[in-house]
Amino acid sequence: QVQLVESGGGSVQPGGSLRLSCAASGSIFSIYGVGWYRQAPGKQRELVATIASSGNTNYADSVKGRFTISRDNAKKTVNLQMNSLKTEDTAVYYCTVAADWGQGTQGTVSS
């Protein structure tokens, strides 16, 4: 089992940036792919981005060109850099590894 803790959420204006981090426990973190998901009020949880153990990345169309996922296996962290934020990016953001989920961190984009 992997323990995950997200951080870095907050409130920004449209066009602003947030950097989310996911810290993982466990010695086998490096062999797993990691995903960031989000859930907006009244909506289903949706995939935002993934990064494989190889470093290959995948993004939802809605965030391509604005969000960047990265990982540091030595530090057991995965980051999500979110730029050019829009109001529709407002959601609770979750990271997931090997079917385990963090508690989520709120990101709010509002003028």
Protein backbone atom coordinates (compact mmCIF):
# COMPACT_ATOMS: atom_id res chain seq x y z
CA GLN A 1 0.00 0.00 0.00
CA VAL A 2 1.20 3.50 -0.87
CA GLN A 3 0.42 6.49 1.34
CA LEU A 4 -0.12 9.70 -0.64
CA VAL A 5 -0.33 13.29 0.56
CA GLU A 6 -1.20 16.13 -1.81
CA SER A 7 -0.30 19.76 -1.18
CA GLY A 8 -0.04 23.07 -2.97
CA GLY A 9 -3.67 23.87 -3.58
CA GLY A 10 -5.02 27.36 -3.13
CA SER A 11 -6.97 30.17 -4.71
CA VAL A 12 -5.81 32.15 -7.74
CA GLN A 13 -7.26 34.44 -10.36
CA PRO A 14 -7.84 33.32 -13.94
CA GLY A 15 -4.55 33.22 -15.79
CA GLY A 16 -2.64 32.42 -12.64
CA SER A 17 -0.63 29.35 -11.68
CA LEU A 18 -0.60 26.68 -9.01
CA ARG A 19 1.90 23.92 -8.36
CA LEU A 20 0.55 20.77 -6.76
CA SER A 21 2.72 18.13 -5.16
CA CYS A 22 2.05 14.52 -4.22
CA ALA A 23 4.37 12.91 -1.69
CA ALA A 24 4.40 9.13 -1.55
CA SER A 25 5.63 6.60 0.97
CA GLY A 26 6.90 3.14 0.15
CA SER A 27 10.08 1.86 -1.42
CA ILE A 28 8.54 0.76 -4.71
CA PHE A 29 7.19 4.14 -5.83
CA SER A 30 9.52 4.35 -8.80
CA ILE A 31 8.03 1.35 -10.59
CA TYR A 32 4.51 2.74 -10.71
CA GLY A 33 2.77 5.17 -12.97
CA VAL A 34 1.14 8.11 -11.22
CA GLY A 35 -2.02 9.95 -12.09
CA TRP A 36 -3.59 13.27 -11.19
CA TYR A 37 -7.37 13.41 -11.24
CA ARG A 38 -9.80 16.16 -10.32
CA GLN A 39 -13.40 16.41 -9.25
CA ALA A 40 -15.41 19.57 -9.58
CA PRO A 41 -18.63 20.12 -7.59
CA GLY A 42 -21.46 18.08 -9.05
CA LYS A 43 -19.21 16.38 -11.58
CA GLN A 44 -17.51 13.03 -11.88
CA ARG A 45 -13.85 12.61 -11.14
CA GLU A 46 -11.81 13.00 -14.32
CA LEU A 47 -8.29 12.27 -15.43
CA VAL A 48 -5.98 15.27 -15.67
CA ALA A 49 -2.55 13.79 -16.38
CA THR A 50 -0.48 10.67 -15.94
CA ILE A 51 3.22 9.92 -15.86
CA ALA A 52 4.61 6.44 -16.33
CA SER A 53 7.59 4.97 -14.54
CA SER A 54 9.49 5.62 -17.77
CA GLY A 55 8.57 9.30 -17.61
CA ASN A 56 6.12 9.18 -20.50
CA THR A 57 3.26 11.59 -19.95
CA ASN A 58 -0.36 11.86 -20.99
CA TYR A 59 -2.78 14.78 -20.59
CA ALA A 60 -6.46 15.43 -20.88
CA ASP A 61 -7.23 17.58 -23.90
CA SER A 62 -8.61 20.31 -21.65
CA VAL A 63 -5.21 20.87 -19.97
CA LYS A 64 -2.74 20.19 -22.78
CA GLY A 65 -0.27 23.01 -23.16
CA ARG A 66 -1.16 24.47 -19.76
CA PHE A 67 -0.36 21.70 -17.25
CA THR A 68 2.88 19.78 -16.81
CA ILE A 69 3.29 16.60 -14.77
CA SER A 70 6.71 15.56 -13.51
CA ARG A 71 8.17 13.12 -11.03
CA ASP A 72 11.21 12.83 -8.80
CA ASN A 73 11.68 9.18 -7.87
CA ALA A 74 14.48 9.93 -5.40
CA LYS A 75 12.15 12.25 -3.46
CA LYS A 76 9.06 10.10 -4.15
CA THR A 77 7.11 13.09 -5.36
CA VAL A 78 4.99 13.90 -8.37
CA ASN A 79 4.23 17.50 -9.26
CA LEU A 80 1.55 19.10 -11.37
CA GLN A 81 2.42 22.57 -12.63
CA MET A 82 -0.77 24.33 -13.66
CA ASN A 83 -0.48 27.53 -15.70
CA SER A 84 -2.98 29.76 -17.46
CA LEU A 85 -5.65 28.58 -15.09
CA LYS A 86 -9.31 28.94 -15.96
CA THR A 87 -12.36 29.02 -13.73
CA GLU A 88 -13.30 25.58 -15.04
CA ASP A 89 -10.11 24.19 -13.51
CA THR A 90 -11.62 24.68 -10.08
CA ALA A 91 -11.76 21.25 -8.42
CA VAL A 92 -10.34 19.00 -5.76
CA TYR A 93 -7.19 17.45 -7.19
CA TYR A 94 -6.17 13.91 -6.26
CA CYS A 95 -3.09 11.85 -7.00
CA THR A 96 -3.21 8.10 -7.35
CA VAL A 97 -0.59 5.35 -7.39
CA ALA A 98 -1.28 1.64 -7.65
CA ALA A 99 -4.97 2.05 -6.84
CA ASP A 100 -4.24 4.13 -3.73
CA TRP A 101 -5.51 7.71 -3.49
CA GLY A 102 -4.55 10.77 -1.56
CA GLN A 103 -7.01 12.92 0.36
CA GLY A 104 -7.07 15.64 -2.28
CA THR A 105 -6.16 19.31 -2.38
CA GLN A 106 -8.50 22.13 -3.40
CA GLY A 107 -7.62 24.36 -6.31
CA THR A 108 -9.90 27.37 -6.86
CA VAL A 109 -9.73 29.74 -9.81
CA SER A 110 -11.89 32.79 -9.37
CA SER A 111 -11.85 36.49 -10.08
